[in-house]
Structure formats: C-alpha cells, structure tokens
C-alpha cells in the first residue's frame, strides 16, 4: 500500500493494479501461518493441494469439494458463449462430454506428468528419503510449450527444497516462487497450500521443516480490493494457531519400499491429509476474482 504504483493490467481489460515488482517473505513455521486479519479457508487449500498432488485436471472434481477458484478461467479457456453461465454448466453437466471439463495441463499435470511422463512429486519424495542431501530437489510447473493447453498459466511455478544436516538427522528449507501474486485474494491460500505440503513432506520423510520462504514477483492488489485491503490492515492480529491444532491423517504414516510406492502415495493423498482445528479470524471480506483475458 505504501510503495505500490497503479497501472493498467494488460491481462484484464479495464482493470488497474497496485503493484510492487518483488519481495521475499520469511514465514514463521513455529505456529500455523493461517491469516487471521481476514477470514480465509485453510481447509480449501488442503483440498486443492490434494487434487493437484493427485494430478487431477477435471474441474468437476474441484466442484465436488467446493473449490471454485477455477470457474472464471475455465469459462475463458473453453470459450463458452457469454449467454451461458458457469452455473448453467454445473446444472447441466450431462450435456457435455468428459473432455470439455478438462482444465488442461495445469499444476496437477505438471507435478505428476511433466513433459507427458515425468512424475516430479514421486521423484522429489524418493530423493528426500533415499538421497536426502541431493541438490536438485526442485519441482517446476513452468512449461512454456504447454501454455496454450492450460486454463491458466501457473502463478506459483516452482518450489525448492534445500536439505541441511541437523543434530538428530536432517532438516529442510522450503521455498516457493511466484511469478505473480494477488496479495489480497490468493496469497493467504498460497501460504497454507505450501505450509501443508511442507508439513506432509516433514511427516512422511522424518526431516524437520526448518523454514518456509515466499519468493514473490509482481506483487499486487487489484483495484476492486484496495478499499477492503485498507480496512484489513487496521485489524490487529489476535489469533495465533499453534502447531498442536494440526490434525494429521493416519494415511501419512507410510513406508516406501519401491518407486511405485511414491507414486501411489500421491495418487491417493486424501483431501483431509491435514486439518487445522479451531481456525479463528476476523470476518470474510468478499472480493470478486478477476478472470484472465487471453
């Protein structure tokens, strides 16, 4: 709010954004980084993470768990006639073939089938367990040749795991990189998404999460969120969510023996792999998402 500058958004007609080029945030990991200044939905972050990690690109699966973040971009991607609403499609799904509901080569595809075949998540988990000091623990969703086949280019496009020897074994530093960050609507969910992923890796590998860092580029507020943002920053943080409020599914108690085990683990990651109990916050600030104009 202090240092940003307004300019036209080339991807959204008639929209201005308040923008700074980049920043780096060190996110505390000694408690749950669930934002309390405004109501967010940590459970939805875990649900969406589960579908991404399972490689799912069918928007109907997201609808089933009440994740509707993709709706507007889906309409644009599928070039749906302006007279047809997303609710019309949801109410009349039998009128469309299965291919119609595919979001294309979005996050889940890139994580599990990069280049059509490479399972990045299985390899990441395998190396963290079998070769914990590997220096190539990187997962990328950035595949330019696939952009034309995506409902939306990945905003958070890479995460990096840096291993370190600690007193009783290994620990790791987790960094996620965003090429574009909607700081009012998206960022709180992105934090929980990667915090959950890091805690899953901690649980199943036995390596301690030492730090979580957000490497953010093109950090912005859209003009329809500026007034709400001014209101939110007047709130005083009052809710700290301790780590003991995290409930881990028994599914995460697993042993890996073969390469296929790593793939199977992600294939079946439950939508409630981690739950945050007693999440409390200020009220929900309703701001519409703005779809991407290709």
Protein backbone atom coordinates (compact mmCIF):
# COMPACT_ATOMS: atom_id res chain seq x y z
CA UNK A 1 0.00 0.00 0.00
CA UNK A 2 2.93 2.38 0.71
CA UNK A 3 5.25 1.54 -2.15
CA UNK A 4 2.98 0.20 -4.88
CA UNK A 5 2.06 2.05 -8.05
CA UNK A 6 -1.15 1.81 -10.03
CA UNK A 7 -1.02 0.77 -13.65
CA UNK A 8 -3.22 -0.93 -16.20
CA UNK A 9 -3.31 -4.70 -16.12
CA UNK A 10 -2.58 -5.94 -19.66
CA UNK A 11 -4.27 -9.27 -18.91
CA UNK A 12 -7.57 -7.86 -17.63
CA UNK A 13 -9.44 -5.25 -19.63
CA UNK A 14 -10.32 -2.08 -17.69
CA UNK A 15 -8.57 -3.20 -14.52
CA UNK A 16 -5.82 -1.42 -12.63
CA UNK A 17 -3.50 -2.99 -10.13
CA UNK A 18 -1.41 -1.58 -7.32
CA UNK A 19 1.93 -3.23 -7.89
CA UNK A 20 5.43 -3.72 -6.50
CA UNK A 21 7.97 -5.75 -8.51
CA UNK A 22 9.03 -8.27 -5.87
CA UNK A 23 9.55 -9.13 -2.24
CA UNK A 24 10.72 -12.05 -0.13
CA UNK A 25 8.84 -13.15 2.98
CA UNK A 26 10.08 -15.48 5.67
CA UNK A 27 7.00 -17.25 7.00
CA UNK A 28 7.20 -18.46 10.62
CA UNK A 29 6.90 -22.24 10.98
CA UNK A 30 6.74 -22.46 14.78
CA UNK A 31 2.99 -21.94 14.54
CA UNK A 32 0.42 -22.37 11.78
CA UNK A 33 0.63 -19.39 9.37
CA UNK A 34 -3.14 -19.14 8.97
CA UNK A 35 -4.05 -15.50 8.36
CA UNK A 36 -6.36 -14.03 11.00
CA UNK A 37 -6.68 -10.44 9.69
CA UNK A 38 -9.47 -11.67 7.43
CA UNK A 39 -11.25 -14.96 7.07
CA UNK A 40 -9.58 -17.38 4.71
CA UNK A 41 -10.36 -21.03 4.10
CA UNK A 42 -7.43 -23.25 5.13
CA UNK A 43 -9.41 -26.44 4.51
CA UNK A 44 -9.89 -25.48 0.86
CA UNK A 45 -6.12 -25.03 0.50
CA UNK A 46 -5.61 -28.63 1.64
CA UNK A 47 -8.36 -29.91 -0.64
CA UNK A 48 -6.97 -28.18 -3.71
CA UNK A 49 -3.46 -29.32 -2.80
CA UNK A 50 -4.71 -32.90 -2.67
CA UNK A 51 -6.17 -32.74 -6.17
CA UNK A 52 -3.05 -31.09 -7.57
CA UNK A 53 -0.79 -33.70 -5.99
CA UNK A 54 -3.00 -36.45 -7.42
CA UNK A 55 -2.62 -34.95 -10.89
CA UNK A 56 -6.32 -34.19 -11.34
CA UNK A 57 -7.26 -31.69 -14.06
CA UNK A 58 -11.02 -32.37 -14.31
CA UNK A 59 -12.84 -29.30 -12.96
CA UNK A 60 -15.77 -31.47 -11.84
CA UNK A 61 -13.54 -32.99 -9.15
CA UNK A 62 -12.83 -29.49 -7.84
CA UNK A 63 -16.52 -28.68 -7.78
CA UNK A 64 -17.19 -31.76 -5.68
CA UNK A 65 -15.05 -30.37 -2.88
CA UNK A 66 -16.35 -26.80 -3.26
CA UNK A 67 -13.17 -25.44 -4.84
CA UNK A 68 -14.50 -22.92 -7.35
CA UNK A 69 -11.37 -20.84 -7.91
CA UNK A 70 -11.06 -22.11 -11.48
CA UNK A 71 -14.55 -21.27 -12.71
CA UNK A 72 -13.94 -17.94 -14.46
CA UNK A 73 -10.73 -19.05 -16.13
CA UNK A 74 -12.42 -22.28 -17.19
CA UNK A 75 -15.14 -20.27 -18.98
CA UNK A 76 -12.49 -18.23 -20.81
CA UNK A 77 -10.35 -21.29 -21.63
CA UNK A 78 -13.30 -23.18 -23.09
CA UNK A 79 -14.55 -20.11 -24.99
CA UNK A 80 -18.01 -20.58 -23.58
CA UNK A 81 -20.72 -18.38 -25.12
CA UNK A 82 -21.39 -15.32 -22.95
CA UNK A 83 -25.04 -16.32 -22.61
CA UNK A 84 -24.03 -19.48 -20.72
CA UNK A 85 -23.07 -19.13 -17.05
CA UNK A 86 -20.88 -21.44 -15.00
CA UNK A 87 -23.97 -22.38 -13.01
CA UNK A 88 -25.71 -23.43 -16.25
CA UNK A 89 -22.82 -25.78 -16.93
CA UNK A 90 -22.80 -27.16 -13.38
CA UNK A 91 -26.54 -27.80 -13.58
CA UNK A 92 -26.36 -29.48 -16.99
CA UNK A 93 -23.14 -31.48 -16.93
CA UNK A 94 -24.67 -34.38 -18.86
CA UNK A 95 -24.88 -32.14 -21.95
CA UNK A 96 -21.09 -32.08 -22.26
CA UNK A 97 -18.51 -34.76 -22.95
CA UNK A 98 -15.76 -35.55 -20.45
CA UNK A 99 -13.05 -33.72 -22.40
CA UNK A 100 -14.96 -30.47 -22.03
CA UNK A 101 -14.30 -30.42 -18.28
CA UNK A 102 -10.52 -30.77 -18.58
CA UNK A 103 -8.58 -27.72 -17.37
CA UNK A 104 -5.62 -28.76 -19.47
CA UNK A 105 -2.02 -29.11 -18.37
CA UNK A 106 -2.35 -27.13 -15.15
CA UNK A 107 -0.50 -27.71 -11.88
CA UNK A 108 -1.54 -31.31 -11.30
CA UNK A 109 -0.43 -32.36 -14.77
CA UNK A 110 2.93 -30.62 -14.43
CA UNK A 111 3.56 -32.08 -10.97
CA UNK A 112 2.79 -35.64 -11.98
CA UNK A 113 3.28 -35.80 -15.78
CA UNK A 114 5.79 -33.11 -16.68
CA UNK A 115 6.64 -33.45 -20.37
CA UNK A 116 3.91 -36.08 -20.57
CA UNK A 117 5.62 -38.71 -18.42
CA UNK A 118 7.87 -37.39 -15.64
CA UNK A 119 6.43 -37.68 -12.11
CA UNK A 120 8.11 -34.81 -10.28
CA UNK A 121 6.40 -35.42 -6.94
CA UNK A 122 7.32 -39.10 -6.79
CA UNK A 123 10.94 -38.25 -7.58
CA UNK A 124 11.05 -35.44 -5.01
CA UNK A 125 9.80 -37.75 -2.27
CA UNK A 126 12.11 -40.57 -3.31
CA UNK A 127 15.19 -38.36 -3.26
CA UNK A 128 14.28 -36.76 0.07
CA UNK A 129 14.10 -40.24 1.62
CA UNK A 130 16.78 -42.15 -0.29
CA UNK A 131 19.25 -39.33 -1.09
CA UNK A 132 18.42 -36.61 1.41
CA UNK A 133 21.36 -34.33 0.60
CA UNK A 134 20.50 -34.13 -3.11
CA UNK A 135 20.95 -30.63 -4.50
CA UNK A 136 18.27 -30.94 -7.19
CA UNK A 137 15.12 -31.12 -5.06
CA UNK A 138 13.15 -28.81 -7.34
CA UNK A 139 9.61 -29.10 -8.70
CA UNK A 140 8.52 -26.82 -11.55
CA UNK A 141 5.14 -26.14 -13.12
CA UNK A 142 6.67 -23.83 -15.73
CA UNK A 143 6.39 -25.48 -19.14
CA UNK A 144 6.07 -22.81 -21.86
CA UNK A 145 5.25 -25.29 -24.62
CA UNK A 146 2.12 -26.26 -22.66
CA UNK A 147 0.79 -22.74 -22.03
CA UNK A 148 -1.68 -22.95 -24.90
CA UNK A 149 -3.15 -26.06 -23.28
CA UNK A 150 -3.71 -24.56 -19.82
CA UNK A 151 -6.75 -22.84 -18.38
CA UNK A 152 -4.28 -20.53 -16.63
CA UNK A 153 -0.50 -20.24 -16.58
CA UNK A 154 0.90 -21.23 -13.20
CA UNK A 155 1.27 -18.30 -10.81
CA UNK A 156 3.24 -20.26 -8.24
CA UNK A 157 5.52 -22.05 -10.63
CA UNK A 158 8.34 -23.61 -8.66
CA UNK A 159 9.29 -24.85 -5.24
CA UNK A 160 12.73 -25.77 -3.95
CA UNK A 161 13.79 -27.97 -1.05
CA UNK A 162 17.22 -27.31 0.45
CA UNK A 163 18.39 -30.02 2.81
CA UNK A 164 20.61 -29.48 5.84
CA UNK A 165 22.18 -31.77 8.42
CA UNK A 166 20.87 -31.02 11.90
CA UNK A 167 21.66 -32.50 15.30
CA UNK A 168 19.37 -35.50 15.06
CA UNK A 169 19.22 -36.14 11.31
CA UNK A 170 18.15 -33.80 8.52
CA UNK A 171 16.08 -30.70 8.16
CA UNK A 172 14.92 -28.78 5.12
CA UNK A 173 14.25 -25.25 3.95
CA UNK A 174 11.24 -24.90 1.65
CA UNK A 175 10.99 -22.01 -0.81
CA UNK A 176 8.13 -21.37 -3.21
CA UNK A 177 8.41 -18.97 -6.12
CA UNK A 178 5.53 -16.95 -7.56
CA UNK A 179 5.71 -15.06 -10.84
CA UNK A 180 2.51 -13.19 -9.90
CA UNK A 181 0.87 -12.79 -6.50
CA UNK A 182 -2.61 -11.41 -5.85
CA UNK A 183 -1.80 -10.38 -2.31
CA UNK A 184 -5.36 -9.86 -1.10
CA UNK A 185 -7.17 -12.88 -2.52
CA UNK A 186 -4.60 -15.51 -3.29
CA UNK A 187 -1.56 -15.17 -1.09
CA UNK A 188 -3.04 -16.37 2.22
CA UNK A 189 -4.20 -19.54 0.44
CA UNK A 190 -0.81 -19.98 -1.22
CA UNK A 191 0.88 -19.81 2.17
CA UNK A 192 -1.38 -22.52 3.60
CA UNK A 193 -1.03 -24.63 0.45
CA UNK A 194 2.76 -24.73 0.74
CA UNK A 195 2.78 -24.95 4.51
CA UNK A 196 0.58 -28.05 4.28
CA UNK A 197 2.79 -29.53 1.56
CA UNK A 198 5.91 -28.88 3.64
CA UNK A 199 4.30 -30.49 6.70
CA UNK A 200 3.33 -33.54 4.62
CA UNK A 201 6.93 -33.88 3.48
CA UNK A 202 8.11 -33.45 7.07
CA UNK A 203 5.72 -36.12 8.31
CA UNK A 204 6.48 -38.77 5.71
CA UNK A 205 10.25 -38.21 5.39
CA UNK A 206 11.04 -37.58 9.04
CA UNK A 207 13.06 -34.48 8.07
CA UNK A 208 12.22 -31.39 10.07
CA UNK A 209 10.82 -28.28 8.37
CA UNK A 210 13.28 -25.51 9.25
CA UNK A 211 11.96 -22.61 7.21
CA UNK A 212 9.30 -21.59 4.69
CA UNK A 213 10.11 -18.73 2.33
CA UNK A 214 7.96 -16.99 -0.27
CA UNK A 215 9.89 -15.54 -3.22
CA UNK A 216 7.29 -13.23 -4.73
CA UNK A 217 7.32 -11.34 -8.02
CA UNK A 218 4.73 -8.95 -9.47
CA UNK A 219 3.03 -8.50 -6.10
CA UNK A 220 -0.26 -6.68 -6.48
CA UNK A 221 -3.73 -5.66 -5.34
CA UNK A 222 -6.41 -5.23 -7.97
CA UNK A 223 -8.43 -2.03 -7.81
CA UNK A 224 -11.54 -3.90 -6.63
CA UNK A 225 -9.70 -4.98 -3.45
CA UNK A 226 -7.93 -1.78 -2.42
CA UNK A 227 -10.66 -0.45 -0.11
CA UNK A 228 -11.00 -3.83 1.59
CA UNK A 229 -7.22 -4.05 1.99
CA UNK A 230 -7.19 -0.66 3.71
CA UNK A 231 -9.79 -1.99 6.15
CA UNK A 232 -7.98 -5.28 6.77
CA UNK A 233 -4.66 -3.67 7.72
CA UNK A 234 -6.42 -1.78 10.51
CA UNK A 235 -7.21 -5.11 12.17
CA UNK A 236 -4.85 -6.24 14.89
CA UNK A 237 -3.61 -9.85 14.70
CA UNK A 238 -5.18 -11.60 17.64
CA UNK A 239 -5.30 -15.28 16.73
CA UNK A 240 -2.21 -17.46 16.84
CA UNK A 241 -2.83 -21.03 15.72
CA UNK A 242 -0.43 -23.42 17.47
CA UNK A 243 1.04 -26.43 15.69
CA UNK A 244 -0.85 -28.69 18.07
CA UNK A 245 -4.02 -27.64 16.24
CA UNK A 246 -2.87 -29.58 13.17
CA UNK A 247 -4.50 -32.99 12.87
CA UNK A 248 -2.63 -35.43 10.62
CA UNK A 249 -4.40 -38.26 8.81
CA UNK A 250 -3.22 -41.81 9.53
CA UNK A 251 -2.64 -42.00 5.79
CA UNK A 252 0.62 -40.13 6.31
CA UNK A 253 2.03 -42.98 8.40
CA UNK A 254 3.53 -44.84 5.47
CA UNK A 255 6.67 -46.74 4.46
CA UNK A 256 8.18 -46.62 0.99
CA UNK A 257 9.89 -49.67 -0.47
CA UNK A 258 9.66 -49.28 -4.24
CA UNK A 259 9.39 -46.41 -6.71
CA UNK A 260 5.75 -47.24 -7.28
CA UNK A 261 5.07 -46.60 -3.59
CA UNK A 262 5.99 -42.94 -4.02
CA UNK A 263 3.59 -42.58 -6.93
CA UNK A 264 0.83 -44.40 -5.08
CA UNK A 265 1.26 -42.12 -2.09
CA UNK A 266 0.46 -39.02 -4.14
CA UNK A 267 -2.22 -40.80 -6.18
CA UNK A 268 -4.26 -41.32 -3.01
CA UNK A 269 -3.45 -38.25 -0.94
CA UNK A 270 -6.71 -37.53 0.94
CA UNK A 271 -8.35 -34.11 0.90
CA UNK A 272 -8.11 -34.07 4.69
CA UNK A 273 -4.50 -35.22 4.96
CA UNK A 274 -4.06 -32.32 7.39
CA UNK A 275 -6.80 -30.46 9.22
CA UNK A 276 -6.48 -27.22 11.15
CA UNK A 277 -8.71 -27.25 14.21
CA UNK A 278 -10.14 -24.10 15.79
CA UNK A 279 -9.28 -21.69 13.00
CA UNK A 280 -10.43 -18.22 14.01
CA UNK A 281 -10.19 -14.87 12.27
CA UNK A 282 -11.87 -11.58 11.54
CA UNK A 283 -14.77 -11.55 9.11
CA UNK A 284 -14.75 -12.63 5.47
CA UNK A 285 -14.06 -9.79 3.04
CA UNK A 286 -15.84 -10.61 -0.20
CA UNK A 287 -13.89 -9.57 -3.30
CA UNK A 288 -14.58 -10.97 -6.75
CA UNK A 289 -11.83 -12.83 -8.58
CA UNK A 290 -10.89 -11.35 -11.94
CA UNK A 291 -10.59 -13.75 -14.85
CA UNK A 292 -7.62 -13.76 -17.19
CA UNK A 293 -8.25 -12.46 -20.69
CA UNK A 294 -6.16 -14.47 -23.14
